[in-house]
């Protein structure tokens, strides 16, 4: 019968998923689990369910559980694993949606990852992992040299964006305090997303203790990357302060998406974001929000803008993830 022929492959897939989970637990008991045990079992279970990631997200939402499609994709690929309390709670519902035994996927996570300095050193993500579309960023980075960037610890970062009276972006000033973790470190990297494709690219200018090396642009993706070359190579333990600016052509100045988002692929001890609006054109509302590597919004709160057009937000021990501020303009003006 046609119905029986349809159900049998599904049964086989469910048996495969259950077998994959059982094999992982048998082969790697307790805290000796293989690093790919969880993503392998999850991929098999998703395939067995016959559900798309969008459909899985819909069913989780019906249970009052919020998990993004990006997070589900990361979990099954092994790029991320659920660790936050909310993610672990969602995993129990995911087991039910996928039709696997309760606790079977959670058991494959193994012990929590270490915290403190060991966790900080192991939490660095590829730069392109912070963009929804990784390939354009990855291709752009192949055109410049940032080989020693991974040997730099970002101790502090201060960004300032100046917004013009015409609501366009005038300037972004960046100040970083960096420490070398090995000898010979001589450069870091900057990647800037125009957000709105077709805007003119900014001019990147070195201000302190650095020069601008090779620059790569992707007009179609609206991306620009640049080498920030240190004036003097650092020895292990050395620190430096570098400053550079991104100057947008104008006036008139091109308008972005009315937000500023700093992407951190590794933790930073201190981040300060400063906004300066023209006093003649103040936003009606301004808020900060943060997004973790699982594409979940973790913080959202109002940011005050004073009469002089000044606003700021501060983060301590932040990342990896995105720290963003967005604003709305008054509705009675263009």
C-alpha atoms as a PDB file:
ATOM      1  CA  UNK A   1       0.000   0.000   0.000  1.00  0.00           C
ATOM      2  CA  UNK A   2       1.145   3.533  -0.678  1.00  0.00           C
ATOM      3  CA  UNK A   3       0.605   4.582   2.931  1.00  0.00           C
ATOM      4  CA  UNK A   4       2.759   1.767   4.263  1.00  0.00           C
ATOM      5  CA  UNK A   5       5.517   2.539   1.778  1.00  0.00           C
ATOM      6  CA  UNK A   6       5.545   6.134   2.999  1.00  0.00           C
ATOM      7  CA  UNK A   7       5.669   5.277   6.709  1.00  0.00           C
ATOM      8  CA  UNK A   8       8.405   2.648   6.507  1.00  0.00           C
ATOM      9  CA  UNK A   9      11.263   5.043   5.513  1.00  0.00           C
ATOM     10  CA  UNK A  10      10.161   7.373   8.307  1.00  0.00           C
ATOM     11  CA  UNK A  11      10.291   4.498  10.805  1.00  0.00           C
ATOM     12  CA  UNK A  12      13.755   3.632   9.516  1.00  0.00           C
ATOM     13  CA  UNK A  13      14.936   7.204  10.002  1.00  0.00           C
ATOM     14  CA  UNK A  14      13.551   7.294  13.542  1.00  0.00           C
ATOM     15  CA  UNK A  15      15.299   4.013  14.296  1.00  0.00           C
ATOM     16  CA  UNK A  16      18.502   5.519  12.862  1.00  0.00           C
ATOM     17  CA  UNK A  17      18.146   8.603  15.037  1.00  0.00           C
ATOM     18  CA  UNK A  18      17.523   6.535  18.156  1.00  0.00           C
ATOM     19  CA  UNK A  19      20.424   4.268  17.269  1.00  0.00           C
ATOM     20  CA  UNK A  20      22.749   7.250  16.722  1.00  0.00           C
ATOM     21  CA  UNK A  21      21.926   8.614  20.165  1.00  0.00           C
ATOM     22  CA  UNK A  22      22.300   5.197  21.819  1.00  0.00           C
ATOM     23  CA  UNK A  23      25.660   4.589  20.098  1.00  0.00           C
ATOM     24  CA  UNK A  24      26.980   7.968  21.199  1.00  0.00           C
ATOM     25  CA  UNK A  25      26.074   7.326  24.822  1.00  0.00           C
ATOM     26  CA  UNK A  26      27.484   3.799  24.724  1.00  0.00           C
ATOM     27  CA  UNK A  27      30.726   4.705  22.953  1.00  0.00           C
ATOM     28  CA  UNK A  28      31.366   7.905  24.923  1.00  0.00           C
ATOM     29  CA  UNK A  29      29.884   7.519  28.408  1.00  0.00           C
ATOM     30  CA  UNK A  30      29.738  10.239  31.086  1.00  0.00           C
ATOM     31  CA  UNK A  31      32.167  13.083  30.442  1.00  0.00           C
ATOM     32  CA  UNK A  32      34.051  11.317  27.629  1.00  0.00           C
ATOM     33  CA  UNK A  33      31.569  12.325  24.955  1.00  0.00           C
ATOM     34  CA  UNK A  34      32.949  13.073  21.514  1.00  0.00           C
ATOM     35  CA  UNK A  35      32.709  16.695  20.427  1.00  0.00           C
ATOM     36  CA  UNK A  36      30.419  15.736  17.518  1.00  0.00           C
ATOM     37  CA  UNK A  37      28.110  13.450  19.513  1.00  0.00           C
ATOM     38  CA  UNK A  38      25.394  16.044  20.055  1.00  0.00           C
ATOM     39  CA  UNK A  39      25.312  17.676  16.584  1.00  0.00           C
ATOM     40  CA  UNK A  40      25.457  14.280  14.838  1.00  0.00           C
ATOM     41  CA  UNK A  41      22.536  12.920  16.841  1.00  0.00           C
ATOM     42  CA  UNK A  42      20.561  16.149  16.428  1.00  0.00           C
ATOM     43  CA  UNK A  43      21.052  16.169  12.647  1.00  0.00           C
ATOM     44  CA  UNK A  44      19.864  12.571  12.434  1.00  0.00           C
ATOM     45  CA  UNK A  45      16.838  13.299  14.611  1.00  0.00           C
ATOM     46  CA  UNK A  46      15.894  16.331  12.498  1.00  0.00           C
ATOM     47  CA  UNK A  47      16.199  14.297   9.312  1.00  0.00           C
ATOM     48  CA  UNK A  48      14.093  11.533  10.861  1.00  0.00           C
ATOM     49  CA  UNK A  49      11.375  13.983  11.848  1.00  0.00           C
ATOM     50  CA  UNK A  50      10.922  15.131   8.250  1.00  0.00           C
ATOM     51  CA  UNK A  51      10.537  18.695   9.550  1.00  0.00           C
ATOM     52  CA  UNK A  52      12.271  21.768   8.203  1.00  0.00           C
ATOM     53  CA  UNK A  53      14.030  24.088  10.659  1.00  0.00           C
ATOM     54  CA  UNK A  54      11.286  26.668  10.065  1.00  0.00           C
ATOM     55  CA  UNK A  55       8.640  24.100  10.976  1.00  0.00           C
ATOM     56  CA  UNK A  56      10.549  23.017  14.073  1.00  0.00           C
ATOM     57  CA  UNK A  57      10.796  26.650  15.153  1.00  0.00           C
ATOM     58  CA  UNK A  58       7.020  27.037  14.618  1.00  0.00           C
ATOM     59  CA  UNK A  59       6.251  24.005  16.788  1.00  0.00           C
ATOM     60  CA  UNK A  60       8.568  25.208  19.515  1.00  0.00           C
ATOM     61  CA  UNK A  61       6.929  28.627  19.430  1.00  0.00           C
ATOM     62  CA  UNK A  62       3.533  26.955  19.877  1.00  0.00           C
ATOM     63  CA  UNK A  63       4.941  25.564  23.126  1.00  0.00           C
ATOM     64  CA  UNK A  64       5.991  29.033  24.234  1.00  0.00           C
ATOM     65  CA  UNK A  65       9.672  28.388  23.422  1.00  0.00           C
ATOM     66  CA  UNK A  66      11.704  30.873  21.371  1.00  0.00           C
ATOM     67  CA  UNK A  67      14.621  29.416  19.405  1.00  0.00           C
ATOM     68  CA  UNK A  68      15.792  30.995  16.149  1.00  0.00           C
ATOM     69  CA  UNK A  69      16.313  29.014  12.962  1.00  0.00           C
ATOM     70  CA  UNK A  70      19.926  30.222  13.042  1.00  0.00           C
ATOM     71  CA  UNK A  71      20.432  28.695  16.497  1.00  0.00           C
ATOM     72  CA  UNK A  72      18.945  25.367  15.379  1.00  0.00           C
ATOM     73  CA  UNK A  73      21.233  25.389  12.354  1.00  0.00           C
ATOM     74  CA  UNK A  74      24.274  26.150  14.513  1.00  0.00           C
ATOM     75  CA  UNK A  75      23.391  23.372  16.971  1.00  0.00           C
ATOM     76  CA  UNK A  76      23.063  20.695  14.300  1.00  0.00           C
ATOM     77  CA  UNK A  77      26.249  21.806  12.516  1.00  0.00           C
ATOM     78  CA  UNK A  78      28.300  21.802  15.726  1.00  0.00           C
ATOM     79  CA  UNK A  79      29.257  25.475  15.423  1.00  0.00           C
ATOM     80  CA  UNK A  80      27.434  26.203  18.686  1.00  0.00           C
ATOM     81  CA  UNK A  81      25.848  24.155  21.404  1.00  0.00           C
ATOM     82  CA  UNK A  82      23.045  25.064  23.812  1.00  0.00           C
ATOM     83  CA  UNK A  83      24.561  26.241  27.097  1.00  0.00           C
ATOM     84  CA  UNK A  84      22.421  29.077  28.459  1.00  0.00           C
ATOM     85  CA  UNK A  85      19.605  28.100  30.831  1.00  0.00           C
ATOM     86  CA  UNK A  86      16.973  29.159  28.269  1.00  0.00           C
ATOM     87  CA  UNK A  87      18.608  27.055  25.553  1.00  0.00           C
ATOM     88  CA  UNK A  88      18.832  23.976  27.763  1.00  0.00           C
ATOM     89  CA  UNK A  89      15.167  24.345  28.693  1.00  0.00           C
ATOM     90  CA  UNK A  90      14.289  24.642  25.001  1.00  0.00           C
ATOM     91  CA  UNK A  91      16.242  21.476  24.260  1.00  0.00           C
ATOM     92  CA  UNK A  92      13.790  19.430  26.322  1.00  0.00           C
ATOM     93  CA  UNK A  93      10.918  20.684  24.159  1.00  0.00           C
ATOM     94  CA  UNK A  94      12.990  20.059  21.031  1.00  0.00           C
ATOM     95  CA  UNK A  95      13.367  16.398  22.017  1.00  0.00           C
ATOM     96  CA  UNK A  96       9.586  16.112  22.210  1.00  0.00           C
ATOM     97  CA  UNK A  97       9.062  17.846  18.860  1.00  0.00           C
ATOM     98  CA  UNK A  98      11.580  15.514  17.199  1.00  0.00           C
ATOM     99  CA  UNK A  99      10.111  12.416  18.830  1.00  0.00           C
ATOM    100  CA  UNK A 100      13.254  11.224  20.605  1.00  0.00           C
ATOM    101  CA  UNK A 101      13.480   9.962  24.165  1.00  0.00           C
ATOM    102  CA  UNK A 102      13.331  12.664  26.865  1.00  0.00           C
ATOM    103  CA  UNK A 103      16.821  13.634  28.010  1.00  0.00           C
ATOM    104  CA  UNK A 104      18.558  11.750  25.189  1.00  0.00           C
ATOM    105  CA  UNK A 105      19.908  14.826  23.388  1.00  0.00           C
ATOM    106  CA  UNK A 106      20.683  16.708  26.596  1.00  0.00           C
ATOM    107  CA  UNK A 107      22.771  13.741  27.744  1.00  0.00           C
ATOM    108  CA  UNK A 108      25.020  14.136  24.694  1.00  0.00           C
ATOM    109  CA  UNK A 109      26.089  17.665  25.632  1.00  0.00           C
ATOM    110  CA  UNK A 110      28.529  16.423  28.247  1.00  0.00           C
ATOM    111  CA  UNK A 111      29.837  18.648  31.053  1.00  0.00           C
ATOM    112  CA  UNK A 112      29.608  22.464  30.819  1.00  0.00           C
ATOM    113  CA  UNK A 113      32.469  24.247  29.127  1.00  0.00           C
ATOM    114  CA  UNK A 114      35.064  25.756  31.436  1.00  0.00           C
ATOM    115  CA  UNK A 115      34.700  29.380  32.497  1.00  0.00           C
ATOM    116  CA  UNK A 116      37.191  32.139  33.230  1.00  0.00           C
ATOM    117  CA  UNK A 117      40.328  32.624  31.166  1.00  0.00           C
ATOM    118  CA  UNK A 118      40.188  29.165  29.581  1.00  0.00           C
ATOM    119  CA  UNK A 119      36.655  29.865  28.404  1.00  0.00           C
ATOM    120  CA  UNK A 120      37.665  33.304  27.129  1.00  0.00           C
ATOM    121  CA  UNK A 121      40.534  31.895  25.099  1.00  0.00           C
ATOM    122  CA  UNK A 122      38.377  29.143  23.576  1.00  0.00           C
ATOM    123  CA  UNK A 123      35.386  31.327  22.730  1.00  0.00           C
ATOM    124  CA  UNK A 124      36.857  33.121  19.715  1.00  0.00           C
ATOM    125  CA  UNK A 125      34.632  32.758  16.667  1.00  0.00           C
ATOM    126  CA  UNK A 126      35.579  33.134  13.021  1.00  0.00           C
ATOM    127  CA  UNK A 127      34.902  36.732  12.021  1.00  0.00           C
ATOM    128  CA  UNK A 128      32.492  35.682   9.285  1.00  0.00           C
ATOM    129  CA  UNK A 129      30.383  33.730  11.793  1.00  0.00           C
ATOM    130  CA  UNK A 130      28.896  37.020  13.006  1.00  0.00           C
ATOM    131  CA  UNK A 131      27.131  37.660   9.688  1.00  0.00           C
ATOM    132  CA  UNK A 132      23.980  35.818   8.521  1.00  0.00           C
ATOM    133  CA  UNK A 133      25.640  35.382   5.132  1.00  0.00           C
ATOM    134  CA  UNK A 134      29.163  34.176   5.844  1.00  0.00           C
ATOM    135  CA  UNK A 135      30.508  33.678   2.324  1.00  0.00           C
ATOM    136  CA  UNK A 136      30.828  37.344   1.252  1.00  0.00           C
ATOM    137  CA  UNK A 137      32.737  38.168   4.455  1.00  0.00           C
ATOM    138  CA  UNK A 138      34.932  35.087   4.125  1.00  0.00           C
ATOM    139  CA  UNK A 139      35.796  35.926   0.503  1.00  0.00           C
ATOM    140  CA  UNK A 140      36.572  39.516   1.467  1.00  0.00           C
ATOM    141  CA  UNK A 141      38.955  38.448   4.231  1.00  0.00           C
ATOM    142  CA  UNK A 142      40.896  36.255   1.811  1.00  0.00           C
ATOM    143  CA  UNK A 143      42.034  39.438   0.059  1.00  0.00           C
ATOM    144  CA  UNK A 144      43.813  40.891   3.096  1.00  0.00           C
ATOM    145  CA  UNK A 145      46.236  39.656   5.766  1.00  0.00           C
ATOM    146  CA  UNK A 146      44.980  39.329   9.319  1.00  0.00           C
ATOM    147  CA  UNK A 147      47.026  36.294  10.340  1.00  0.00           C
ATOM    148  CA  UNK A 148      48.153  37.739  13.680  1.00  0.00           C
ATOM    149  CA  UNK A 149      44.734  39.097  14.655  1.00  0.00           C
ATOM    150  CA  UNK A 150      43.919  35.908  16.547  1.00  0.00           C
ATOM    151  CA  UNK A 151      46.903  36.536  18.831  1.00  0.00           C
ATOM    152  CA  UNK A 152      45.466  39.836  20.068  1.00  0.00           C
ATOM    153  CA  UNK A 153      43.237  40.230  23.117  1.00  0.00           C
ATOM    154  CA  UNK A 154      40.888  43.192  22.974  1.00  0.00           C
ATOM    155  CA  UNK A 155      40.992  44.730  26.452  1.00  0.00           C
ATOM    156  CA  UNK A 156      38.928  47.814  25.679  1.00  0.00           C
ATOM    157  CA  UNK A 157      37.111  49.403  22.768  1.00  0.00           C
ATOM    158  CA  UNK A 158      35.499  52.822  22.419  1.00  0.00           C
ATOM    159  CA  UNK A 159      33.431  53.615  19.317  1.00  0.00           C
ATOM    160  CA  UNK A 160      31.871  56.988  18.574  1.00  0.00           C
ATOM    161  CA  UNK A 161      29.413  57.624  15.759  1.00  0.00           C
ATOM    162  CA  UNK A 162      28.563  61.171  14.663  1.00  0.00           C
ATOM    163  CA  UNK A 163      25.150  61.530  12.993  1.00  0.00           C
ATOM    164  CA  UNK A 164      24.519  64.618  10.862  1.00  0.00           C
ATOM    165  CA  UNK A 165      21.489  66.896  10.832  1.00  0.00           C
ATOM    166  CA  UNK A 166      20.380  65.214   7.582  1.00  0.00           C
ATOM    167  CA  UNK A 167      20.323  61.895   9.529  1.00  0.00           C
ATOM    168  CA  UNK A 168      23.268  60.534   7.581  1.00  0.00           C
ATOM    169  CA  UNK A 169      26.376  59.045   9.160  1.00  0.00           C
ATOM    170  CA  UNK A 170      29.285  61.492   9.271  1.00  0.00           C
ATOM    171  CA  UNK A 171      32.036  59.659  11.072  1.00  0.00           C
ATOM    172  CA  UNK A 172      32.897  56.609  13.161  1.00  0.00           C
ATOM    173  CA  UNK A 173      35.898  56.910  15.475  1.00  0.00           C
ATOM    174  CA  UNK A 174      37.421  53.737  16.932  1.00  0.00           C
ATOM    175  CA  UNK A 175      39.840  53.431  19.847  1.00  0.00           C
ATOM    176  CA  UNK A 176      41.125  49.987  20.884  1.00  0.00           C
ATOM    177  CA  UNK A 177      43.409  48.805  23.685  1.00  0.00           C
ATOM    178  CA  UNK A 178      45.050  45.557  22.576  1.00  0.00           C
ATOM    179  CA  UNK A 179      47.384  43.034  24.200  1.00  0.00           C
ATOM    180  CA  UNK A 180      49.603  40.571  22.326  1.00  0.00           C
ATOM    181  CA  UNK A 181      49.449  36.915  23.359  1.00  0.00           C
ATOM    182  CA  UNK A 182      52.578  35.931  21.408  1.00  0.00           C
ATOM    183  CA  UNK A 183      55.618  37.593  19.866  1.00  0.00           C
ATOM    184  CA  UNK A 184      55.473  39.292  16.485  1.00  0.00           C
ATOM    185  CA  UNK A 185      51.881  40.462  16.449  1.00  0.00           C
ATOM    186  CA  UNK A 186      51.680  43.327  13.963  1.00  0.00           C
ATOM    187  CA  UNK A 187      48.081  43.817  12.796  1.00  0.00           C
ATOM    188  CA  UNK A 188      44.400  43.506  13.422  1.00  0.00           C
ATOM    189  CA  UNK A 189      41.440  43.725  11.042  1.00  0.00           C
ATOM    190  CA  UNK A 190      38.403  45.915  10.514  1.00  0.00           C
ATOM    191  CA  UNK A 191      35.216  44.828   8.706  1.00  0.00           C
ATOM    192  CA  UNK A 192      32.456  47.370   8.112  1.00  0.00           C
ATOM    193  CA  UNK A 193      28.970  46.649   6.796  1.00  0.00           C
ATOM    194  CA  UNK A 194      27.176  49.503   5.015  1.00  0.00           C
ATOM    195  CA  UNK A 195      23.830  47.870   5.958  1.00  0.00           C
ATOM    196  CA  UNK A 196      22.272  49.583   2.936  1.00  0.00           C
ATOM    197  CA  UNK A 197      23.921  48.417  -0.277  1.00  0.00           C
ATOM    198  CA  UNK A 198      24.726  51.223  -2.697  1.00  0.00           C
ATOM    199  CA  UNK A 199      25.903  53.747  -0.140  1.00  0.00           C
ATOM    200  CA  UNK A 200      29.387  55.174  -0.789  1.00  0.00           C
ATOM    201  CA  UNK A 201      32.156  53.525   1.183  1.00  0.00           C
ATOM    202  CA  UNK A 202      33.812  55.559   3.947  1.00  0.00           C
ATOM    203  CA  UNK A 203      37.456  56.603   3.868  1.00  0.00           C
ATOM    204  CA  UNK A 204      39.495  54.849   6.568  1.00  0.00           C
ATOM    205  CA  UNK A 205      42.138  57.014   8.236  1.00  0.00           C
ATOM    206  CA  UNK A 206      44.734  56.001  10.820  1.00  0.00           C
ATOM    207  CA  UNK A 207      44.957  58.283  13.878  1.00  0.00           C
ATOM    208  CA  UNK A 208      47.288  56.703  16.457  1.00  0.00           C
ATOM    209  CA  UNK A 209      49.906  53.909  16.578  1.00  0.00           C
ATOM    210  CA  UNK A 210      48.836  52.319  13.312  1.00  0.00           C
ATOM    211  CA  UNK A 211      48.537  52.687   9.563  1.00  0.00           C
ATOM    212  CA  UNK A 212      45.972  51.377   7.125  1.00  0.00           C
ATOM    213  CA  UNK A 213      47.226  48.421   5.097  1.00  0.00           C
ATOM    214  CA  UNK A 214      45.395  46.616   2.326  1.00  0.00           C
ATOM    215  CA  UNK A 215      41.714  47.409   1.807  1.00  0.00           C
ATOM    216  CA  UNK A 216      39.182  45.099   0.178  1.00  0.00           C
ATOM    217  CA  UNK A 217      35.674  46.079  -0.911  1.00  0.00           C
ATOM    218  CA  UNK A 218      32.641  44.091  -2.031  1.00  0.00           C
ATOM    219  CA  UNK A 219      30.252  46.501  -3.754  1.00  0.00           C
ATOM    220  CA  UNK A 220      27.519  43.897  -4.208  1.00  0.00           C
ATOM    221  CA  UNK A 221      27.501  42.939  -0.526  1.00  0.00           C
ATOM    222  CA  UNK A 222      28.184  46.445   0.813  1.00  0.00           C
ATOM    223  CA  UNK A 223      31.228  45.301   2.800  1.00  0.00           C
ATOM    224  CA  UNK A 224      34.698  46.745   3.319  1.00  0.00           C
ATOM    225  CA  UNK A 225      37.640  45.195   5.179  1.00  0.00           C
ATOM    226  CA  UNK A 226      41.007  46.714   6.042  1.00  0.00           C
ATOM    227  CA  UNK A 227      44.264  45.762   7.706  1.00  0.00           C
ATOM    228  CA  UNK A 228      45.035  47.905  10.741  1.00  0.00           C
ATOM    229  CA  UNK A 229      48.835  47.576  10.829  1.00  0.00           C
ATOM    230  CA  UNK A 230      50.552  48.430  14.115  1.00  0.00           C
ATOM    231  CA  UNK A 231      53.409  50.922  14.038  1.00  0.00           C
ATOM    232  CA  UNK A 232      55.587  48.474  15.950  1.00  0.00           C
ATOM    233  CA  UNK A 233      55.196  44.679  16.188  1.00  0.00           C
ATOM    234  CA  UNK A 234      54.356  43.586  19.731  1.00  0.00           C
ATOM    235  CA  UNK A 235      56.057  41.039  21.942  1.00  0.00           C
ATOM    236  CA  UNK A 236      53.985  38.733  24.088  1.00  0.00           C
ATOM    237  CA  UNK A 237      52.338  40.693  26.905  1.00  0.00           C
ATOM    238  CA  UNK A 238      52.834  44.085  25.232  1.00  0.00           C
ATOM    239  CA  UNK A 239      49.871  46.419  24.928  1.00  0.00           C
ATOM    240  CA  UNK A 240      49.070  49.168  22.476  1.00  0.00           C
ATOM    241  CA  UNK A 241      46.390  51.778  21.838  1.00  0.00           C
ATOM    242  CA  UNK A 242      45.260  52.196  18.244  1.00  0.00           C
ATOM    243  CA  UNK A 243      42.849  54.744  16.849  1.00  0.00           C
ATOM    244  CA  UNK A 244      41.339  55.087  13.382  1.00  0.00           C
ATOM    245  CA  UNK A 245      38.289  56.723  11.811  1.00  0.00           C
ATOM    246  CA  UNK A 246      35.797  55.937   9.075  1.00  0.00           C
ATOM    247  CA  UNK A 247      34.823  59.201   7.367  1.00  0.00           C
ATOM    248  CA  UNK A 248      31.692  59.177   5.214  1.00  0.00           C
ATOM    249  CA  UNK A 249      31.632  61.540   2.229  1.00  0.00           C
ATOM    250  CA  UNK A 250      29.292  64.505   2.484  1.00  0.00           C
ATOM    251  CA  UNK A 251      27.365  66.596   2.948  1.00  0.00           C
ATOM    252  CA  UNK A 252      24.858  65.326   2.202  1.00  0.00           C
ATOM    253  CA  UNK A 253      25.740  62.231   4.214  1.00  0.00           C
ATOM    254  CA  UNK A 254      24.401  58.826   3.322  1.00  0.00           C
ATOM    255  CA  UNK A 255      21.917  57.322   5.739  1.00  0.00           C
ATOM    256  CA  UNK A 256      22.355  53.818   7.030  1.00  0.00           C
ATOM    257  CA  UNK A 257      19.690  51.724   8.767  1.00  0.00           C
ATOM    258  CA  UNK A 258      19.484  54.075  11.787  1.00  0.00           C
ATOM    259  CA  UNK A 259      21.531  51.812  14.022  1.00  0.00           C
ATOM    260  CA  UNK A 260      25.084  51.018  15.034  1.00  0.00           C
ATOM    261  CA  UNK A 261      26.127  47.440  15.665  1.00  0.00           C
ATOM    262  CA  UNK A 262      29.578  46.356  16.871  1.00  0.00           C
ATOM    263  CA  UNK A 263      30.314  42.687  16.273  1.00  0.00           C
ATOM    264  CA  UNK A 264      32.679  40.923  18.703  1.00  0.00           C
ATOM    265  CA  UNK A 265      34.071  37.538  17.722  1.00  0.00           C
ATOM    266  CA  UNK A 266      35.893  37.281  21.046  1.00  0.00           C
ATOM    267  CA  UNK A 267      35.162  38.697  24.522  1.00  0.00           C
ATOM    268  CA  UNK A 268      36.064  42.292  25.351  1.00  0.00           C
ATOM    269  CA  UNK A 269      36.528  43.510  28.921  1.00  0.00           C
ATOM    270  CA  UNK A 270      35.050  46.942  28.272  1.00  0.00           C
ATOM    271  CA  UNK A 271      33.102  48.420  25.390  1.00  0.00           C
ATOM    272  CA  UNK A 272      31.811  51.980  25.217  1.00  0.00           C
ATOM    273  CA  UNK A 273      29.554  53.112  22.393  1.00  0.00           C
ATOM    274  CA  UNK A 274      29.064  56.866  22.121  1.00  0.00           C
ATOM    275  CA  UNK A 275      26.537  58.530  19.819  1.00  0.00           C
ATOM    276  CA  UNK A 276      26.514  62.186  18.879  1.00  0.00           C
ATOM    277  CA  UNK A 277      23.416  63.484  17.105  1.00  0.00           C
ATOM    278  CA  UNK A 278      23.124  67.017  15.766  1.00  0.00           C
ATOM    279  CA  UNK A 279      21.125  69.013  18.374  1.00  0.00           C
ATOM    280  CA  UNK A 280      18.879  70.243  15.537  1.00  0.00           C
ATOM    281  CA  UNK A 281      17.890  66.653  14.635  1.00  0.00           C
ATOM    282  CA  UNK A 282      17.389  64.475  17.708  1.00  0.00           C
ATOM    283  CA  UNK A 283      15.895  60.981  17.545  1.00  0.00           C
ATOM    284  CA  UNK A 284      12.509  60.335  19.134  1.00  0.00           C
ATOM    285  CA  UNK A 285      13.654  57.077  20.728  1.00  0.00           C
ATOM    286  CA  UNK A 286      16.934  55.210  21.181  1.00  0.00           C
ATOM    287  CA  UNK A 287      17.561  51.739  22.580  1.00  0.00           C
ATOM    288  CA  UNK A 288      20.354  49.219  22.932  1.00  0.00           C
ATOM    289  CA  UNK A 289      20.050  45.510  22.352  1.00  0.00           C
ATOM    290  CA  UNK A 290      22.517  42.630  22.359  1.00  0.00           C
ATOM    291  CA  UNK A 291      22.468  39.458  20.297  1.00  0.00           C
ATOM    292  CA  UNK A 292      24.329  36.305  21.330  1.00  0.00           C
ATOM    293  CA  UNK A 293      26.060  33.845  18.948  1.00  0.00           C
ATOM    294  CA  UNK A 294      22.864  31.774  18.857  1.00  0.00           C
ATOM    295  CA  UNK A 295      21.088  34.786  17.288  1.00  0.00           C
ATOM    296  CA  UNK A 296      19.022  35.379  20.420  1.00  0.00           C
ATOM    297  CA  UNK A 297      18.344  38.916  21.677  1.00  0.00           C
ATOM    298  CA  UNK A 298      19.607  38.909  25.261  1.00  0.00           C
ATOM    299  CA  UNK A 299      19.266  42.566  26.326  1.00  0.00           C
ATOM    300  CA  UNK A 300      16.980  45.409  25.339  1.00  0.00           C
ATOM    301  CA  UNK A 301      16.696  48.759  27.118  1.00  0.00           C
ATOM    302  CA  UNK A 302      16.196  52.445  26.446  1.00  0.00           C
ATOM    303  CA  UNK A 303      19.160  54.768  25.918  1.00  0.00           C
ATOM    304  CA  UNK A 304      18.758  58.400  26.923  1.00  0.00           C
ATOM    305  CA  UNK A 305      19.734  61.179  24.484  1.00  0.00           C
ATOM    306  CA  UNK A 306      20.355  64.567  26.092  1.00  0.00           C
ATOM    307  CA  UNK A 307      19.544  67.981  24.634  1.00  0.00           C
ATOM    308  CA  UNK A 308      23.051  68.246  23.182  1.00  0.00           C
ATOM    309  CA  UNK A 309      22.463  65.055  21.191  1.00  0.00           C
ATOM    310  CA  UNK A 310      24.795  62.909  23.282  1.00  0.00           C
ATOM    311  CA  UNK A 311      24.117  59.288  24.238  1.00  0.00           C
ATOM    312  CA  UNK A 312      26.207  56.335  25.289  1.00  0.00           C
ATOM    313  CA  UNK A 313      26.021  52.668  26.259  1.00  0.00           C
ATOM    314  CA  UNK A 314      28.554  50.520  28.130  1.00  0.00           C
ATOM    315  CA  UNK A 315      29.195  46.770  28.215  1.00  0.00           C
ATOM    316  CA  UNK A 316      31.602  44.867  30.497  1.00  0.00           C
ATOM    317  CA  UNK A 317      32.969  41.397  29.735  1.00  0.00           C
ATOM    318  CA  UNK A 318      30.866  41.199  26.606  1.00  0.00           C
ATOM    319  CA  UNK A 319      31.042  38.739  23.750  1.00  0.00           C
ATOM    320  CA  UNK A 320      31.149  36.948  21.513  1.00  0.00           C
ATOM    321  CA  UNK A 321      28.047  38.575  20.079  1.00  0.00           C
ATOM    322  CA  UNK A 322      26.627  41.818  18.740  1.00  0.00           C
ATOM    323  CA  UNK A 323      26.190  45.004  20.775  1.00  0.00           C
ATOM    324  CA  UNK A 324      23.831  47.360  18.993  1.00  0.00           C
ATOM    325  CA  UNK A 325      22.026  50.653  19.397  1.00  0.00           C
ATOM    326  CA  UNK A 326      19.107  51.659  17.159  1.00  0.00           C
ATOM    327  CA  UNK A 327      17.018  54.815  17.007  1.00  0.00           C
ATOM    328  CA  UNK A 328      13.723  56.092  15.598  1.00  0.00           C
ATOM    329  CA  UNK A 329      13.181  59.551  14.153  1.00  0.00           C
ATOM    330  CA  UNK A 330      10.145  61.758  14.899  1.00  0.00           C
ATOM    331  CA  UNK A 331       7.233  60.831  12.626  1.00  0.00           C
ATOM    332  CA  UNK A 332       6.296  64.416  11.823  1.00  0.00           C
ATOM    333  CA  UNK A 333       9.573  65.050   9.975  1.00  0.00           C
ATOM    334  CA  UNK A 334      11.029  63.330   6.875  1.00  0.00           C
END
